Amino acid sequence: MPALTPADLRRHLGDDLRGLRPPRTALVVGAGLAGLAAAHELHRAGCEVTVLEAADRPGGRARTLRRPFADGLHVEAGAMTVTPECHYVTHYRERLGVGLDRSDLLDQDFSYFVDGKFVRPDADSLGTAGLPLAEHERGLGVPELIARYVTAAADELGADLTAPHWAPSAALEELDRSSVDEVLRARGASQTAIDLMEPMFLEMRGGDLLSASALSWLRHESGYRSLLTSTDGWGKIDGGTDELPRAFAHELRDRIRYRAPVVRLDQDDDSATVTYLDHGRLARASADRVVVTVPFSAIRHIDVSHARLTEAKIEAMRKLRYASIVRVYLQVREQFWKGHNVSVSTDLPIRWVRDATANQPGPRRILEVLMTGWRARALAAMTEEERVRFVLDHVETMFPGAHDRFELGLSVAWDHEPWIEGSYVLPERGHSRLMPAIRAPENRIHFAGEHTSFEPNGGSMNYALESGVRACVELATAS
């Protein structure tokens, strides 16, 4: 079967997947967005499909936190942004009747908190702050630093970097063997400049610029998902990101079995079989095809020794890394800081603080603190109470009065989330070599999820949905 391309899938989607003949039966492992999209399309096409989900809810990393917050406030623990180019999100959102609102990442009142003082990203503010920039960086603001070190680097690589069908040339593959940090330093960036620019790379780097692929990073920063190229078209799912998976789950209803983690995967020439837990006992189910959407960060919980997987697939499962992220939320009884939709990058251990409920009604607010990389792993090792106290103490340094107005706290450490154990894929050096094996079907077993995207970077609802459609098309066209 010829390899599918993104353009092929868009054509299939535009045709509403007509003309495809799905298998008679299929099992989908995981009810994240990828699994839900695959099951949705298979069910529509008349396939007898069952979804096995380890958790007690749909959505996976598309997760909205509503309890124990007061006044109907909610925050996002995972996916949160929809761009105009998120064609799959738009397609399913409109089909399922899910609304769209303006993204909170737009119109932010952004600043830095460095050496105990607030600093704006413009050249005058940086100059006044006396930060230890290199001589050739003085007089530049953060936008100019990015233009010098990021935009110029991308422009030099030309159209190959931004080609719609991602197929790295030899020159780009060479760049894939370098880290983000190496490329920035080779272009003359000081550590201070790197620290100032890093928040603009969003959280997708996972705080690991020393190991992240420079090629994957530049591809991301040149595309529609980058904060550097964001427009007023950015949005969010109205009412919370979880409204989208909940709409899928409502359509599938009894096709989804919750609290049913898969623990073994087998296949032979005629069928594929999964073993899963069902209320304290082992159960088995067989089907013509299986779609596995489990993140490779947690795939070790599934015995695949009899699944007839290739060595390339096993290697990809072992090597693929996921970003470590901890998000901590502090509910306060009122706003006590200046500005609307405040977002602050800091040299304190908590790294990034923002008002996560700036556009929600009521006097109460929820401050979100997001940490990545080794700092996230350190907080993940703490208890819930210790995490909240650690963050609250550092927020007090930035915004005096936090202790007095604090009401309750909550955190999510994605490395410790059962059956997920990571946030989104972190493409390290050499990632392009792994990509074909990550995505490739293995006889009767197919793979979906943001990590199986056509793009080198995951972390996108759109990529997850696209992968679910791709798996559905693969099943329908497999011999």
Protein backbone atom coordinates (compact mmCIF):
# COMPACT_ATOMS: atom_id res chain seq x y z
CA MET A 1 0.00 0.00 0.00
CA PRO A 2 1.51 3.39 -0.98
CA ALA A 3 2.31 5.64 1.97
CA LEU A 4 -0.39 8.18 2.69
CA THR A 5 0.48 11.88 2.60
CA PRO A 6 -1.17 14.82 4.39
CA ALA A 7 -2.66 15.89 1.05
CA ASP A 8 -4.16 12.43 0.57
CA LEU A 9 -5.84 12.62 3.95
CA ARG A 10 -7.21 16.10 3.34
CA ARG A 11 -8.78 14.81 0.12
CA HIS A 12 -10.33 11.88 1.95
CA LEU A 13 -11.64 14.23 4.63
CA GLY A 14 -13.09 16.56 1.99
CA ASP A 15 -14.87 13.58 0.46
CA ASP A 16 -16.21 12.69 3.92
CA LEU A 17 -14.24 9.42 3.65
CA ARG A 18 -16.71 8.11 1.09
CA GLY A 19 -15.76 5.05 -0.93
CA LEU A 20 -13.61 3.53 1.81
CA ARG A 21 -14.44 0.01 2.94
CA PRO A 22 -13.53 -0.46 6.60
CA PRO A 23 -12.85 -3.84 8.19
CA ARG A 24 -15.79 -5.69 9.69
CA THR A 25 -14.45 -5.33 13.24
CA ALA A 26 -11.85 -3.10 14.90
CA LEU A 27 -10.52 -2.37 18.37
CA VAL A 28 -9.17 1.05 19.32
CA VAL A 29 -6.80 1.27 22.29
CA GLY A 30 -7.24 4.66 23.94
CA ALA A 31 -10.01 7.27 23.95
CA GLY A 32 -7.85 10.33 23.42
CA LEU A 33 -8.65 12.50 20.42
CA ALA A 34 -6.82 10.19 18.01
CA GLY A 35 -8.72 7.12 19.18
CA LEU A 36 -12.03 8.96 19.25
CA ALA A 37 -11.59 10.25 15.69
CA ALA A 38 -10.66 6.79 14.39
CA ALA A 39 -13.57 5.13 16.20
CA HIS A 40 -15.97 7.86 15.09
CA GLU A 41 -15.16 7.37 11.42
CA LEU A 42 -15.09 3.58 11.62
CA HIS A 43 -18.46 3.56 13.37
CA ARG A 44 -19.95 5.90 10.74
CA ALA A 45 -18.70 3.57 8.02
CA GLY A 46 -20.45 0.55 9.54
CA CYS A 47 -17.48 -1.07 11.27
CA GLU A 48 -18.16 -2.84 14.57
CA VAL A 49 -15.71 -0.87 16.68
CA THR A 50 -14.90 -0.95 20.39
CA VAL A 51 -12.72 1.56 22.25
CA LEU A 52 -10.79 0.41 25.33
CA GLU A 53 -9.81 3.30 27.62
CA ALA A 54 -7.76 2.94 30.80
CA ALA A 55 -9.16 6.08 32.46
CA ASP A 56 -12.71 6.85 33.50
CA ARG A 57 -13.13 9.70 31.02
CA PRO A 58 -12.44 10.42 27.33
CA GLY A 59 -9.90 12.92 26.03
CA GLY A 60 -6.50 11.79 27.28
CA ARG A 61 -4.34 14.91 27.34
CA ALA A 62 -7.26 17.08 26.21
CA ARG A 63 -8.25 17.63 29.82
CA THR A 64 -10.11 20.49 31.47
CA LEU A 65 -10.04 20.91 35.26
CA ARG A 66 -13.29 22.13 36.80
CA ARG A 67 -13.22 20.80 40.35
CA PRO A 68 -12.59 21.91 43.06
CA PHE A 69 -12.60 25.45 41.67
CA ALA A 70 -15.33 27.89 42.66
CA ASP A 71 -17.71 30.07 40.63
CA GLY A 72 -17.62 27.77 37.60
CA LEU A 73 -13.97 28.59 36.86
CA HIS A 74 -12.02 26.09 34.80
CA VAL A 75 -8.47 25.69 33.51
CA GLU A 76 -6.72 23.53 30.96
CA ALA A 77 -4.32 20.80 32.06
CA GLY A 78 -3.33 19.89 28.51
CA ALA A 79 -4.30 20.94 24.98
CA MET A 80 -5.73 24.45 24.70
CA THR A 81 -5.15 26.16 21.34
CA VAL A 82 -6.88 25.99 17.95
CA THR A 83 -5.45 27.86 14.97
CA PRO A 84 -7.17 28.62 11.63
CA GLU A 85 -4.97 25.92 10.07
CA CYS A 86 -6.26 23.24 12.45
CA HIS A 87 -8.46 21.78 9.70
CA TYR A 88 -9.25 18.54 11.51
CA VAL A 89 -10.25 20.32 14.71
CA THR A 90 -12.49 22.64 12.70
CA HIS A 91 -14.01 19.73 10.77
CA TYR A 92 -14.97 17.73 13.85
CA ARG A 93 -15.84 20.72 15.99
CA GLU A 94 -18.37 21.86 13.43
CA ARG A 95 -19.69 18.35 12.81
CA LEU A 96 -20.21 17.75 16.54
CA GLY A 97 -21.59 21.21 17.31
CA VAL A 98 -18.72 22.36 19.53
CA GLY A 99 -18.11 26.11 19.74
CA LEU A 100 -14.95 28.19 19.46
CA ASP A 101 -13.80 31.16 21.53
CA ARG A 102 -10.82 33.52 21.36
CA SER A 103 -7.53 32.11 22.65
CA ASP A 104 -6.24 33.29 26.01
CA LEU A 105 -2.72 33.30 24.57
CA LEU A 106 -3.59 36.37 22.51
CA ASP A 107 -3.56 39.88 23.97
CA GLN A 108 -1.41 38.80 26.91
CA ASP A 109 0.25 41.42 29.09
CA PHE A 110 3.66 39.77 28.85
CA SER A 111 6.76 40.59 30.87
CA TYR A 112 9.78 39.03 32.55
CA PHE A 113 10.57 38.90 36.26
CA VAL A 114 14.36 38.79 36.42
CA ASP A 115 16.68 39.55 39.33
CA GLY A 116 13.70 40.56 41.43
CA LYS A 117 12.24 43.12 39.03
CA PHE A 118 9.77 43.21 36.13
CA VAL A 119 11.21 43.80 32.66
CA ARG A 120 9.40 44.27 29.35
CA PRO A 121 10.65 42.60 26.14
CA ASP A 122 11.38 45.88 24.33
CA ALA A 123 14.94 47.14 23.81
CA ASP A 124 14.65 50.14 26.15
CA SER A 125 13.38 48.03 29.05
CA LEU A 126 16.07 45.39 28.55
CA GLY A 127 18.73 48.07 28.38
CA THR A 128 17.52 49.72 31.57
CA ALA A 129 17.47 46.36 33.37
CA GLY A 130 21.18 45.91 32.66
CA LEU A 131 20.90 42.25 31.72
CA PRO A 132 24.20 40.61 30.69
CA LEU A 133 23.57 40.46 26.96
CA ALA A 134 26.50 40.14 24.57
CA GLU A 135 27.89 43.34 23.11
CA HIS A 136 26.29 42.70 19.71
CA GLU A 137 22.91 42.08 21.40
CA ARG A 138 22.70 45.36 23.29
CA GLY A 139 20.10 47.73 21.98
CA LEU A 140 17.95 44.84 20.75
CA GLY A 141 14.57 43.81 22.10
CA VAL A 142 13.34 40.23 22.25
CA PRO A 143 11.62 40.52 18.83
CA GLU A 144 14.91 41.63 17.30
CA LEU A 145 16.81 38.82 19.02
CA ILE A 146 14.35 36.32 17.58
CA ALA A 147 14.68 37.86 14.12
CA ARG A 148 18.46 37.55 14.35
CA TYR A 149 18.73 34.04 15.74
CA VAL A 150 15.54 32.25 14.74
CA THR A 151 13.84 33.89 11.77
CA ALA A 152 17.12 34.43 9.92
CA ALA A 153 18.14 30.80 10.51
CA ALA A 154 14.82 29.57 9.12
CA ASP A 155 15.00 31.89 6.12
CA GLU A 156 18.46 30.62 5.22
CA LEU A 157 17.09 27.07 4.98
CA GLY A 158 14.53 28.15 2.40
CA ALA A 159 11.37 26.45 1.20
CA ASP A 160 12.50 22.94 2.21
CA LEU A 161 11.94 23.84 5.87
CA THR A 162 8.32 24.85 5.40
CA ALA A 163 7.29 22.44 2.62
CA PRO A 164 3.72 21.19 3.15
CA HIS A 165 4.81 17.56 2.74
CA TRP A 166 7.53 17.05 5.31
CA ALA A 167 10.41 15.13 3.72
CA PRO A 168 13.74 16.48 5.04
CA SER A 169 16.54 16.99 2.55
CA ALA A 170 20.10 15.90 3.32
CA ALA A 171 20.93 19.40 4.56
CA LEU A 172 17.94 19.40 6.90
CA GLU A 173 18.78 15.95 8.19
CA GLU A 174 22.20 17.28 9.10
CA LEU A 175 20.49 19.99 11.14
CA ASP A 176 18.43 17.28 12.83
CA ARG A 177 21.64 16.04 14.43
CA SER A 178 22.15 19.40 16.17
CA SER A 179 20.37 20.68 19.28
CA VAL A 180 18.48 23.95 19.56
CA ASP A 181 21.08 25.22 22.01
CA GLU A 182 23.96 24.40 19.64
CA VAL A 183 22.37 26.27 16.74
CA LEU A 184 21.56 29.34 18.81
CA ARG A 185 25.07 29.52 20.27
CA ALA A 186 26.67 28.96 16.85
CA ARG A 187 24.81 32.03 15.64
CA GLY A 188 26.21 34.06 18.53
CA ALA A 189 23.38 33.96 21.06
CA SER A 190 24.35 34.57 24.66
CA GLN A 191 22.81 32.59 27.51
CA THR A 192 20.80 35.66 28.49
CA ALA A 193 19.41 36.00 24.96
CA ILE A 194 18.49 32.31 24.92
CA ASP A 195 16.70 32.67 28.26
CA LEU A 196 14.76 35.66 26.95
CA MET A 197 13.74 33.93 23.73
CA GLU A 198 12.84 30.54 25.16
CA PRO A 199 9.37 31.51 26.47
CA MET A 200 8.46 32.57 22.92
CA PHE A 201 9.07 29.00 21.78
CA LEU A 202 5.99 28.10 23.84
CA GLU A 203 6.19 25.06 26.10
CA MET A 204 6.66 22.59 23.23
CA ARG A 205 10.41 22.38 23.78
CA GLY A 206 9.85 20.84 27.19
CA GLY A 207 12.67 22.90 28.69
CA ASP A 208 15.32 20.75 26.99
CA LEU A 209 17.03 22.96 24.42
CA LEU A 210 20.24 20.97 24.91
CA SER A 211 18.67 17.79 23.51
CA ALA A 212 15.80 18.99 21.31
CA SER A 213 16.28 18.68 17.55
CA ALA A 214 17.13 22.01 15.95
CA LEU A 215 15.37 20.88 12.79
CA SER A 216 12.11 20.07 14.57
CA TRP A 217 12.32 23.35 16.47
CA LEU A 218 12.85 25.49 13.37
CA ARG A 219 10.07 23.63 11.54
CA HIS A 220 7.74 24.46 14.44
CA GLU A 221 8.81 28.08 14.77
CA SER A 222 8.27 28.61 11.04
CA GLY A 223 4.74 27.22 11.14
CA TYR A 224 1.27 28.20 12.20
CA ARG A 225 1.59 26.84 15.75
CA SER A 226 4.40 29.18 16.76
CA LEU A 227 3.85 32.15 19.03
CA LEU A 228 6.20 33.99 16.66
CA THR A 229 3.64 33.75 13.86
CA SER A 230 0.40 33.74 15.86
CA THR A 231 -2.52 35.80 14.60
CA ASP A 232 -5.87 36.97 15.86
CA GLY A 233 -7.31 33.77 14.43
CA TRP A 234 -6.08 31.68 17.37
CA GLY A 235 -8.93 30.20 19.39
CA LYS A 236 -9.88 27.71 22.08
CA ILE A 237 -12.74 25.26 22.49
CA ASP A 238 -15.69 27.15 23.94
CA GLY A 239 -16.41 26.08 27.50
CA GLY A 240 -13.23 24.02 27.85
CA THR A 241 -11.12 21.74 25.67
CA ASP A 242 -12.81 18.65 27.08
CA GLU A 243 -16.03 19.64 25.32
CA LEU A 244 -14.58 18.20 22.10
CA PRO A 245 -13.77 14.68 23.37
CA ARG A 246 -17.02 14.64 25.32
CA ALA A 247 -18.93 15.34 22.10
CA PHE A 248 -17.12 12.45 20.39
CA ALA A 249 -17.85 10.17 23.34
CA HIS A 250 -21.52 11.11 23.31
CA GLU A 251 -21.75 10.03 19.68
CA LEU A 252 -19.97 6.74 20.37
CA ARG A 253 -21.79 6.09 23.66
CA ASP A 254 -21.59 2.38 24.55
CA ARG A 255 -18.80 1.78 22.03
CA ILE A 256 -16.32 2.97 24.72
CA ARG A 257 -15.34 0.83 27.69
CA TYR A 258 -13.76 2.89 30.47
CA ARG A 259 -11.37 1.62 33.14
CA ALA A 260 -10.29 -1.07 30.70
CA PRO A 261 -6.50 -0.76 30.35
CA VAL A 262 -4.94 -2.97 27.71
CA VAL A 263 -2.08 -5.09 29.03
CA ARG A 264 -1.23 -7.40 26.12
CA LEU A 265 -1.30 -7.23 22.33
CA ASP A 266 -1.13 -10.19 19.94
CA GLN A 267 -1.71 -10.80 16.27
CA ASP A 268 -1.64 -13.62 13.76
CA ASP A 269 -2.41 -13.86 10.06
CA ASP A 270 -6.17 -13.65 10.60
CA SER A 271 -6.82 -11.27 13.50
CA ALA A 272 -5.41 -9.14 16.29
CA THR A 273 -6.19 -9.70 19.95
CA VAL A 274 -5.95 -7.49 23.03
CA THR A 275 -5.99 -8.54 26.67
CA TYR A 276 -7.37 -5.93 29.03
CA LEU A 277 -8.57 -5.50 32.60
CA ASP A 278 -12.30 -5.60 33.16
CA HIS A 279 -13.38 -4.93 36.76
CA GLY A 280 -10.56 -6.89 38.33
CA ARG A 281 -10.37 -9.74 35.84
CA LEU A 282 -8.54 -10.39 32.59
CA ALA A 283 -10.61 -10.22 29.42
CA ARG A 284 -9.73 -10.77 25.76
CA ALA A 285 -11.14 -9.32 22.57
CA SER A 286 -10.24 -10.00 18.94
CA ALA A 287 -10.89 -8.03 15.76
CA ASP A 288 -9.80 -7.76 12.17
CA ARG A 289 -7.68 -4.70 13.02
CA VAL A 290 -6.42 -2.84 16.09
CA VAL A 291 -5.54 0.86 16.35
CA VAL A 292 -3.10 1.64 19.18
CA THR A 293 -3.11 5.27 20.31
CA VAL A 294 -1.26 4.82 23.61
CA PRO A 295 1.64 7.27 23.99
CA PHE A 296 4.96 5.48 23.66
CA SER A 297 5.87 6.91 27.06
CA ALA A 298 3.45 4.38 28.57
CA ILE A 299 3.67 1.57 26.01
CA ARG A 300 5.79 -0.49 28.43
CA HIS A 301 2.57 -1.36 30.27
CA ILE A 302 1.47 -3.39 27.25
CA ASP A 303 3.17 -6.72 26.53
CA VAL A 304 3.95 -6.70 22.80
CA SER A 305 6.26 -9.70 22.75
CA HIS A 306 3.76 -11.64 20.60
CA ALA A 307 2.57 -8.70 18.53
CA ARG A 308 4.98 -9.37 15.65
CA LEU A 309 6.34 -5.82 15.72
CA THR A 310 9.42 -4.96 13.69
CA GLU A 311 12.71 -4.05 15.33
CA ALA A 312 12.32 -0.53 13.93
CA LYS A 313 9.02 -0.12 15.78
CA ILE A 314 10.47 -1.48 19.02
CA GLU A 315 13.42 0.90 18.71
CA ALA A 316 11.10 3.86 18.17
CA MET A 317 9.04 2.89 21.20
CA ARG A 318 12.17 2.77 23.34
CA LYS A 319 13.76 5.98 22.07
CA LEU A 320 10.84 8.38 21.69
CA ARG A 321 10.90 10.91 24.49
CA TYR A 322 8.11 13.00 25.96
CA ALA A 323 8.32 16.43 27.55
CA SER A 324 8.04 16.58 31.33
CA ILE A 325 5.46 19.16 32.36
CA VAL A 326 3.91 20.11 35.69
CA ARG A 327 1.08 22.62 35.84
CA VAL A 328 0.05 24.07 39.20
CA TYR A 329 -3.10 26.15 39.75
CA LEU A 330 -3.70 28.60 42.59
CA GLN A 331 -7.24 29.86 43.16
CA VAL A 332 -7.26 33.29 44.79
CA ARG A 333 -10.30 35.20 46.02
CA GLU A 334 -9.54 38.27 43.88
CA GLN A 335 -7.03 39.71 41.44
CA PHE A 336 -4.28 41.52 43.34
CA TRP A 337 -1.77 42.14 40.54
CA LYS A 338 -1.74 44.87 37.91
CA GLY A 339 -2.77 44.29 34.32
CA HIS A 340 -5.23 42.12 32.40
CA ASN A 341 -4.35 38.65 31.09
CA VAL A 342 -0.95 38.81 32.74
CA SER A 343 1.77 36.39 31.64
CA VAL A 344 5.23 36.42 33.21
CA SER A 345 8.40 34.48 32.42
CA THR A 346 10.72 34.41 35.42
CA ASP A 347 14.17 33.29 36.49
CA LEU A 348 12.57 31.84 39.61
CA PRO A 349 12.22 28.03 39.63
CA ILE A 350 8.52 28.31 38.73
CA ARG A 351 9.50 29.71 35.31
CA TRP A 352 6.12 30.82 33.87
CA VAL A 353 3.09 32.33 35.60
CA ARG A 354 -0.11 33.52 33.97
CA ASP A 355 -3.68 34.41 34.79
CA ALA A 356 -5.47 31.33 33.44
CA THR A 357 -8.95 32.78 34.01
CA ALA A 358 -8.50 36.39 32.87
CA ASN A 359 -11.50 36.18 30.56
CA GLN A 360 -13.79 34.21 32.89
CA PRO A 361 -16.41 36.01 35.02
CA GLY A 362 -16.30 36.70 38.74
CA PRO A 363 -13.82 38.24 41.18
CA ARG A 364 -11.87 35.05 41.75
CA ARG A 365 -8.87 34.19 39.61
CA ILE A 366 -6.70 31.15 39.02
CA LEU A 367 -2.98 31.65 38.53
CA GLU A 368 -1.30 28.91 36.51
CA VAL A 369 2.36 28.01 36.90
CA LEU A 370 3.89 25.83 34.19
CA MET A 371 7.26 24.15 34.55
CA THR A 372 9.08 21.94 32.07
CA GLY A 373 12.17 19.76 31.93
CA TRP A 374 14.16 18.96 35.06
CA ARG A 375 12.21 21.47 37.15
CA ALA A 376 9.00 19.69 36.28
CA ARG A 377 10.55 16.36 37.22
CA ALA A 378 11.62 17.82 40.57
CA LEU A 379 8.09 19.00 41.34
CA ALA A 380 6.64 15.72 40.14
CA ALA A 381 8.63 14.05 42.93
CA MET A 382 6.86 16.22 45.54
CA THR A 383 3.51 15.58 47.13
CA GLU A 384 0.52 17.60 45.95
CA GLU A 385 0.68 19.75 49.08
CA GLU A 386 4.41 20.34 48.65
CA ARG A 387 3.98 21.38 45.01
CA VAL A 388 1.29 23.92 45.83
CA ARG A 389 3.28 25.36 48.76
CA PHE A 390 6.47 25.56 46.67
CA VAL A 391 4.70 27.44 43.90
CA LEU A 392 2.74 29.71 46.24
CA ASP A 393 5.92 30.78 48.06
CA HIS A 394 7.59 31.77 44.77
CA VAL A 395 4.49 33.53 43.44
CA GLU A 396 4.52 35.60 46.63
CA THR A 397 7.96 36.86 45.61
CA MET A 398 6.55 38.16 42.32
CA PHE A 399 3.09 39.17 43.49
CA PRO A 400 3.10 40.10 47.20
CA GLY A 401 -0.22 39.23 48.80
CA ALA A 402 -0.57 35.79 47.21
CA HIS A 403 -0.51 34.02 50.57
CA ASP A 404 -3.25 36.22 52.00
CA ARG A 405 -5.60 35.71 49.05
CA PHE A 406 -4.88 32.05 48.38
CA GLU A 407 -7.88 29.73 48.68
CA LEU A 408 -6.91 26.37 47.17
CA GLY A 409 -4.41 24.71 44.87
CA LEU A 410 -4.28 21.84 42.40
CA SER A 411 -1.58 20.37 40.19
CA VAL A 412 -1.07 17.96 37.30
CA ALA A 413 2.28 16.19 36.86
CA TRP A 414 2.00 14.58 33.44
CA ASP A 415 4.93 12.22 34.03
CA HIS A 416 2.87 10.61 36.78
CA GLU A 417 -0.47 10.45 35.02
CA PRO A 418 -1.41 6.75 34.81
CA TRP A 419 -1.30 5.21 31.33
CA ILE A 420 0.08 8.47 29.86
CA GLU A 421 3.34 9.27 31.71
CA GLY A 422 4.37 12.32 29.72
CA SER A 423 2.87 15.37 28.07
CA TYR A 424 3.64 15.50 24.35
CA VAL A 425 6.41 14.18 22.17
CA LEU A 426 9.78 15.93 22.57
CA PRO A 427 11.69 15.40 19.30
CA GLU A 428 15.33 14.96 20.21
CA ARG A 429 18.30 15.00 17.87
CA GLY A 430 17.84 12.42 15.13
CA HIS A 431 14.07 12.40 15.46
CA SER A 432 13.45 12.46 11.70
CA ARG A 433 15.03 9.01 11.45
CA LEU A 434 12.45 7.58 13.86
CA MET A 435 9.38 9.15 12.28
CA PRO A 436 8.62 6.56 9.55
CA ALA A 437 8.80 3.69 12.04
CA ILE A 438 6.70 5.51 14.63
CA ARG A 439 3.82 5.91 12.19
CA ALA A 440 4.09 2.69 10.18
CA PRO A 441 1.37 0.02 10.56
CA GLU A 442 2.48 -3.45 11.60
CA ASN A 443 0.31 -5.88 9.66
CA ARG A 444 -3.03 -5.85 11.52
CA ILE A 445 -1.91 -3.33 14.14
CA HIS A 446 -2.05 0.37 13.31
CA PHE A 447 -0.80 3.39 15.26
CA ALA A 448 -2.26 6.82 15.90
CA GLY A 449 -1.75 9.69 18.33
CA GLU A 450 0.03 13.04 18.21
CA HIS A 451 3.38 11.21 18.31
CA THR A 452 2.58 9.54 14.96
CA SER A 453 2.05 12.84 13.17
CA PHE A 454 3.44 13.64 9.73
CA GLU A 455 5.15 16.56 11.48
CA PRO A 456 8.25 16.23 13.70
CA ASN A 457 6.46 17.98 16.57
CA GLY A 458 3.41 16.65 18.36
CA GLY A 459 1.48 18.43 21.07
CA SER A 460 -1.44 19.32 18.84
CA MET A 461 -5.11 18.35 18.87
CA ASN A 462 -5.06 18.73 15.10
CA TYR A 463 -2.23 16.22 14.68
CA ALA A 464 -3.99 13.75 16.98
CA LEU A 465 -7.23 13.97 14.99
CA GLU A 466 -5.34 13.75 11.70
CA SER A 467 -3.62 10.58 12.88
CA GLY A 468 -6.97 9.03 13.78
CA VAL A 469 -8.26 9.70 10.28
CA ARG A 470 -5.02 8.34 8.79
CA ALA A 471 -5.40 5.11 10.77
CA CYS A 472 -9.01 4.80 9.62
CA VAL A 473 -7.97 5.20 5.96
CA GLU A 474 -5.17 2.67 6.46
CA LEU A 475 -7.63 0.12 7.82
CA ALA A 476 -10.03 0.71 4.95
CA THR A 477 -7.37 0.37 2.26
CA ALA A 478 -5.35 -2.50 3.76
CA SER A 479 -5.38 -5.72 1.82
